[in-house]
Amino acid sequence: MFRPVRVSLREAEKIVAERLDLAGDRANPLHSALKEGELFAETKENGNWVKHDAGWYESTDVLTPQRYAESFPQDGLLTFFDIMVEMKDLDRLWPVSTQSVNKAGRPAKYDWEGALIHLSRQVFCGEFDPIKDCQSEVVRRMRDWFIANRGEEPSDTLLKERAKRFLDEISRE
């Protein structure tokens, strides 16, 4: 199957929404990732791809593509179709779900695997030390991830159970 190296910002929005199962007015984290520098926008300039830092995206006036439905953008104006992101970066930030399709029973309500991967990345990158920090810090980080990526959070009891299991496994000798 063909897999592009880069996709337009509009296509990237669709990919992220599909991977996170976003519906309705739930916020798509793609634009935050661009603003915070976790994801780089690219444009073609003089035939070459140029990566732009976070400040570029925030200061760029990205026009909606409907305005140019039948004509090309004017010089210097960009649409969501002119700005590209690399698929490898989308895969890194929002991996394709490896969860098996549950044909029987109710599907899982919360993406615990995603939250634990996020915590593991934070530990690996040195953003926090779960051994020195308390369980409430792990619970807070998990809660923040669920709110940012799913728009809802599990109960405190469920968060504490998973945080305890995470800490027990990390501190095991």
C-alpha atoms as a PDB file:
ATOM      1  CA  MET A   1       0.000   0.000   0.000  1.00  0.00           C
ATOM      2  CA  PHE A   2       1.278   3.475  -0.903  1.00  0.00           C
ATOM      3  CA  ARG A   3       2.177   5.625   2.090  1.00  0.00           C
ATOM      4  CA  PRO A   4       3.061   9.274   1.523  1.00  0.00           C
ATOM      5  CA  VAL A   5       6.057  10.830   3.237  1.00  0.00           C
ATOM      6  CA  ARG A   6       4.172  14.102   3.788  1.00  0.00           C
ATOM      7  CA  VAL A   7       0.494  14.982   4.023  1.00  0.00           C
ATOM      8  CA  SER A   8      -1.260  18.320   3.987  1.00  0.00           C
ATOM      9  CA  LEU A   9      -2.347  19.909   7.244  1.00  0.00           C
ATOM     10  CA  ARG A  10      -5.977  19.237   6.277  1.00  0.00           C
ATOM     11  CA  GLU A  11      -5.249  15.529   5.708  1.00  0.00           C
ATOM     12  CA  ALA A  12      -3.213  15.389   8.941  1.00  0.00           C
ATOM     13  CA  GLU A  13      -6.235  16.754  10.847  1.00  0.00           C
ATOM     14  CA  LYS A  14      -8.340  13.909   9.467  1.00  0.00           C
ATOM     15  CA  ILE A  15      -5.694  11.285  10.303  1.00  0.00           C
ATOM     16  CA  VAL A  16      -5.303  12.490  13.905  1.00  0.00           C
ATOM     17  CA  ALA A  17      -9.081  12.731  14.388  1.00  0.00           C
ATOM     18  CA  GLU A  18      -9.487   9.178  13.096  1.00  0.00           C
ATOM     19  CA  ARG A  19      -6.658   7.783  15.234  1.00  0.00           C
ATOM     20  CA  LEU A  20      -7.995   9.467  18.368  1.00  0.00           C
ATOM     21  CA  ASP A  21     -11.602   8.752  17.466  1.00  0.00           C
ATOM     22  CA  LEU A  22     -12.469  12.436  17.846  1.00  0.00           C
ATOM     23  CA  ALA A  23     -16.079  13.315  17.282  1.00  0.00           C
ATOM     24  CA  GLY A  24     -18.040  16.532  17.135  1.00  0.00           C
ATOM     25  CA  ASP A  25     -16.425  19.553  18.733  1.00  0.00           C
ATOM     26  CA  ARG A  26     -13.632  17.720  20.573  1.00  0.00           C
ATOM     27  CA  ALA A  27     -10.362  19.563  20.078  1.00  0.00           C
ATOM     28  CA  ASN A  28      -7.829  18.124  17.654  1.00  0.00           C
ATOM     29  CA  PRO A  29      -4.348  18.288  19.276  1.00  0.00           C
ATOM     30  CA  LEU A  30      -2.578  18.690  15.910  1.00  0.00           C
ATOM     31  CA  HIS A  31      -2.472  22.490  16.010  1.00  0.00           C
ATOM     32  CA  SER A  32      -1.246  22.530  19.629  1.00  0.00           C
ATOM     33  CA  ALA A  33       1.573  20.169  18.640  1.00  0.00           C
ATOM     34  CA  LEU A  34       2.561  22.569  15.849  1.00  0.00           C
ATOM     35  CA  LYS A  35       2.445  25.589  18.161  1.00  0.00           C
ATOM     36  CA  GLU A  36       4.441  23.833  20.897  1.00  0.00           C
ATOM     37  CA  GLY A  37       7.112  22.561  18.500  1.00  0.00           C
ATOM     38  CA  GLU A  38       6.336  18.840  18.899  1.00  0.00           C
ATOM     39  CA  LEU A  39       5.416  18.738  15.216  1.00  0.00           C
ATOM     40  CA  PHE A  40       7.037  20.731  12.422  1.00  0.00           C
ATOM     41  CA  ALA A  41       5.204  22.368   9.543  1.00  0.00           C
ATOM     42  CA  GLU A  42       6.860  22.213   6.122  1.00  0.00           C
ATOM     43  CA  THR A  43       6.364  24.236   2.965  1.00  0.00           C
ATOM     44  CA  LYS A  44       7.958  24.012  -0.443  1.00  0.00           C
ATOM     45  CA  GLU A  45      10.159  26.985  -1.230  1.00  0.00           C
ATOM     46  CA  ASN A  46      12.055  27.208  -4.511  1.00  0.00           C
ATOM     47  CA  GLY A  47      11.466  23.491  -5.077  1.00  0.00           C
ATOM     48  CA  ASN A  48      12.865  22.408  -1.676  1.00  0.00           C
ATOM     49  CA  TRP A  49      11.064  21.344   1.491  1.00  0.00           C
ATOM     50  CA  VAL A  50      11.667  23.728   4.399  1.00  0.00           C
ATOM     51  CA  LYS A  51      10.883  22.830   8.040  1.00  0.00           C
ATOM     52  CA  HIS A  52       9.526  25.669  10.142  1.00  0.00           C
ATOM     53  CA  ASP A  53       9.747  26.093  13.914  1.00  0.00           C
ATOM     54  CA  ALA A  54       6.798  26.589  16.266  1.00  0.00           C
ATOM     55  CA  GLY A  55       6.908  30.386  16.039  1.00  0.00           C
ATOM     56  CA  TRP A  56       6.407  30.277  12.272  1.00  0.00           C
ATOM     57  CA  TYR A  57       3.109  28.389  12.506  1.00  0.00           C
ATOM     58  CA  GLU A  58       1.668  30.732  15.131  1.00  0.00           C
ATOM     59  CA  SER A  59       2.577  33.818  13.101  1.00  0.00           C
ATOM     60  CA  THR A  60       1.362  32.443   9.750  1.00  0.00           C
ATOM     61  CA  ASP A  61      -2.063  33.463   8.487  1.00  0.00           C
ATOM     62  CA  VAL A  62      -3.462  30.142   7.297  1.00  0.00           C
ATOM     63  CA  LEU A  63      -6.535  30.799   5.213  1.00  0.00           C
ATOM     64  CA  THR A  64      -9.354  28.304   4.948  1.00  0.00           C
ATOM     65  CA  PRO A  65      -9.258  26.397   1.656  1.00  0.00           C
ATOM     66  CA  GLN A  66     -12.905  27.131   0.812  1.00  0.00           C
ATOM     67  CA  ARG A  67     -11.931  30.682  -0.132  1.00  0.00           C
ATOM     68  CA  TYR A  68      -9.901  29.302  -3.042  1.00  0.00           C
ATOM     69  CA  ALA A  69     -12.211  26.515  -4.159  1.00  0.00           C
ATOM     70  CA  GLU A  70     -11.770  27.348  -7.841  1.00  0.00           C
ATOM     71  CA  SER A  71      -8.537  29.299  -7.967  1.00  0.00           C
ATOM     72  CA  PHE A  72      -5.030  29.128  -6.584  1.00  0.00           C
ATOM     73  CA  PRO A  73      -4.013  31.129  -3.524  1.00  0.00           C
ATOM     74  CA  GLN A  74      -2.543  34.536  -4.149  1.00  0.00           C
ATOM     75  CA  ASP A  75       1.225  34.837  -3.833  1.00  0.00           C
ATOM     76  CA  GLY A  76       2.351  34.639  -0.236  1.00  0.00           C
ATOM     77  CA  LEU A  77      -0.948  33.249   1.088  1.00  0.00           C
ATOM     78  CA  LEU A  78      -1.113  29.699   2.406  1.00  0.00           C
ATOM     79  CA  THR A  79      -3.979  27.270   2.848  1.00  0.00           C
ATOM     80  CA  PHE A  80      -4.176  24.092   4.886  1.00  0.00           C
ATOM     81  CA  PHE A  81      -3.240  22.274   1.676  1.00  0.00           C
ATOM     82  CA  ASP A  82       0.038  24.193   1.231  1.00  0.00           C
ATOM     83  CA  ILE A  83       1.397  23.305   4.685  1.00  0.00           C
ATOM     84  CA  MET A  84       2.643  19.742   5.064  1.00  0.00           C
ATOM     85  CA  VAL A  85       3.654  17.514   7.971  1.00  0.00           C
ATOM     86  CA  GLU A  86       5.645  14.297   7.861  1.00  0.00           C
ATOM     87  CA  MET A  87       3.783  11.019   8.388  1.00  0.00           C
ATOM     88  CA  LYS A  88       6.590   9.698  10.616  1.00  0.00           C
ATOM     89  CA  ASP A  89       5.897  12.597  13.018  1.00  0.00           C
ATOM     90  CA  LEU A  90       2.168  11.845  13.039  1.00  0.00           C
ATOM     91  CA  ASP A  91       2.999   8.190  13.726  1.00  0.00           C
ATOM     92  CA  ARG A  92       5.323   9.202  16.562  1.00  0.00           C
ATOM     93  CA  LEU A  93       2.815  11.507  18.259  1.00  0.00           C
ATOM     94  CA  TRP A  94      -0.382   9.594  17.459  1.00  0.00           C
ATOM     95  CA  PRO A  95       0.508   5.972  16.715  1.00  0.00           C
ATOM     96  CA  VAL A  96      -1.874   3.740  14.819  1.00  0.00           C
ATOM     97  CA  SER A  97      -3.803   1.755  17.368  1.00  0.00           C
ATOM     98  CA  THR A  98      -2.505  -1.770  17.777  1.00  0.00           C
ATOM     99  CA  GLN A  99      -5.482  -2.807  19.843  1.00  0.00           C
ATOM    100  CA  SER A 100      -7.206  -5.842  18.445  1.00  0.00           C
ATOM    101  CA  VAL A 101     -10.725  -5.426  17.235  1.00  0.00           C
ATOM    102  CA  ASN A 102     -13.044  -6.528  19.995  1.00  0.00           C
ATOM    103  CA  LYS A 103     -15.787  -8.453  18.243  1.00  0.00           C
ATOM    104  CA  ALA A 104     -17.489  -9.514  21.456  1.00  0.00           C
ATOM    105  CA  GLY A 105     -18.293  -7.459  24.513  1.00  0.00           C
ATOM    106  CA  ARG A 106     -18.047  -3.786  25.174  1.00  0.00           C
ATOM    107  CA  PRO A 107     -15.003  -1.935  23.803  1.00  0.00           C
ATOM    108  CA  ALA A 108     -12.604  -0.361  26.277  1.00  0.00           C
ATOM    109  CA  LYS A 109     -13.788   3.059  27.419  1.00  0.00           C
ATOM    110  CA  TYR A 110     -10.332   4.492  28.074  1.00  0.00           C
ATOM    111  CA  ASP A 111      -7.069   4.261  26.158  1.00  0.00           C
ATOM    112  CA  TRP A 112      -4.887   3.125  29.058  1.00  0.00           C
ATOM    113  CA  GLU A 113      -2.180   1.937  26.686  1.00  0.00           C
ATOM    114  CA  GLY A 114      -1.895   5.432  25.190  1.00  0.00           C
ATOM    115  CA  ALA A 115      -1.719   7.054  28.631  1.00  0.00           C
ATOM    116  CA  LEU A 116       0.961   4.625  29.825  1.00  0.00           C
ATOM    117  CA  ILE A 117       3.000   5.098  26.641  1.00  0.00           C
ATOM    118  CA  HIS A 118       2.833   8.855  27.259  1.00  0.00           C
ATOM    119  CA  LEU A 119       4.007   8.402  30.873  1.00  0.00           C
ATOM    120  CA  SER A 120       6.824   6.115  29.762  1.00  0.00           C
ATOM    121  CA  ARG A 121       7.967   8.698  27.207  1.00  0.00           C
ATOM    122  CA  GLN A 122       7.994  11.393  29.901  1.00  0.00           C
ATOM    123  CA  VAL A 123      10.095   9.186  32.187  1.00  0.00           C
ATOM    124  CA  PHE A 124      12.442   8.247  29.332  1.00  0.00           C
ATOM    125  CA  CYS A 125      12.891  11.916  28.345  1.00  0.00           C
ATOM    126  CA  GLY A 126      13.597  12.882  31.963  1.00  0.00           C
ATOM    127  CA  GLU A 127      10.506  15.073  32.303  1.00  0.00           C
ATOM    128  CA  PHE A 128       9.726  13.526  35.675  1.00  0.00           C
ATOM    129  CA  ASP A 129      10.955  10.783  37.981  1.00  0.00           C
ATOM    130  CA  PRO A 130       8.104   8.561  39.167  1.00  0.00           C
ATOM    131  CA  ILE A 131      10.299   7.078  41.891  1.00  0.00           C
ATOM    132  CA  LYS A 132      10.916  10.489  43.494  1.00  0.00           C
ATOM    133  CA  ASP A 133       7.492  11.956  42.655  1.00  0.00           C
ATOM    134  CA  CYS A 134       4.448  10.679  44.459  1.00  0.00           C
ATOM    135  CA  GLN A 135       1.518   8.677  43.111  1.00  0.00           C
ATOM    136  CA  SER A 136      -0.589  11.836  42.889  1.00  0.00           C
ATOM    137  CA  GLU A 137       1.865  13.256  40.317  1.00  0.00           C
ATOM    138  CA  VAL A 138       1.465  10.152  38.157  1.00  0.00           C
ATOM    139  CA  VAL A 139      -2.338  10.414  38.529  1.00  0.00           C
ATOM    140  CA  ARG A 140      -2.218  14.112  37.554  1.00  0.00           C
ATOM    141  CA  ARG A 141      -0.113  13.421  34.457  1.00  0.00           C
ATOM    142  CA  MET A 142      -2.434  10.599  33.383  1.00  0.00           C
ATOM    143  CA  ARG A 143      -5.502  12.771  33.959  1.00  0.00           C
ATOM    144  CA  ASP A 144      -3.966  15.614  31.915  1.00  0.00           C
ATOM    145  CA  TRP A 145      -3.240  13.194  29.062  1.00  0.00           C
ATOM    146  CA  PHE A 146      -6.812  11.871  29.005  1.00  0.00           C
ATOM    147  CA  ILE A 147      -8.292  15.374  29.028  1.00  0.00           C
ATOM    148  CA  ALA A 148      -5.941  16.616  26.289  1.00  0.00           C
ATOM    149  CA  ASN A 149      -6.344  13.573  24.046  1.00  0.00           C
ATOM    150  CA  ARG A 150      -9.788  12.183  24.790  1.00  0.00           C
ATOM    151  CA  GLY A 151     -11.728  15.079  26.304  1.00  0.00           C
ATOM    152  CA  GLU A 152     -12.771  13.037  29.323  1.00  0.00           C
ATOM    153  CA  GLU A 153     -11.034  11.397  32.223  1.00  0.00           C
ATOM    154  CA  PRO A 154     -11.440   8.159  34.165  1.00  0.00           C
ATOM    155  CA  SER A 155     -12.475   8.288  37.807  1.00  0.00           C
ATOM    156  CA  ASP A 156      -9.882   8.950  40.514  1.00  0.00           C
ATOM    157  CA  THR A 157     -10.179   5.337  41.647  1.00  0.00           C
ATOM    158  CA  LEU A 158      -9.304   3.988  38.197  1.00  0.00           C
ATOM    159  CA  LEU A 159      -6.464   6.480  37.771  1.00  0.00           C
ATOM    160  CA  LYS A 160      -5.010   5.584  41.172  1.00  0.00           C
ATOM    161  CA  GLU A 161      -5.192   1.850  40.408  1.00  0.00           C
ATOM    162  CA  ARG A 162      -3.282   2.274  37.136  1.00  0.00           C
ATOM    163  CA  ALA A 163      -0.801   4.723  38.677  1.00  0.00           C
ATOM    164  CA  LYS A 164      -0.048   2.244  41.462  1.00  0.00           C
ATOM    165  CA  ARG A 165       0.546  -0.569  38.963  1.00  0.00           C
ATOM    166  CA  PHE A 166       2.796   1.728  36.907  1.00  0.00           C
ATOM    167  CA  LEU A 167       4.829   2.764  39.972  1.00  0.00           C
ATOM    168  CA  ASP A 168       5.052  -0.806  41.293  1.00  0.00           C
ATOM    169  CA  GLU A 169       6.455  -2.024  37.985  1.00  0.00           C
ATOM    170  CA  ILE A 170       8.924   0.852  37.569  1.00  0.00           C
ATOM    171  CA  SER A 171      10.259   0.555  41.117  1.00  0.00           C
ATOM    172  CA  ARG A 172      10.567  -3.226  40.981  1.00  0.00           C
ATOM    173  CA  GLU A 173      14.148  -4.494  41.315  1.00  0.00           C
END
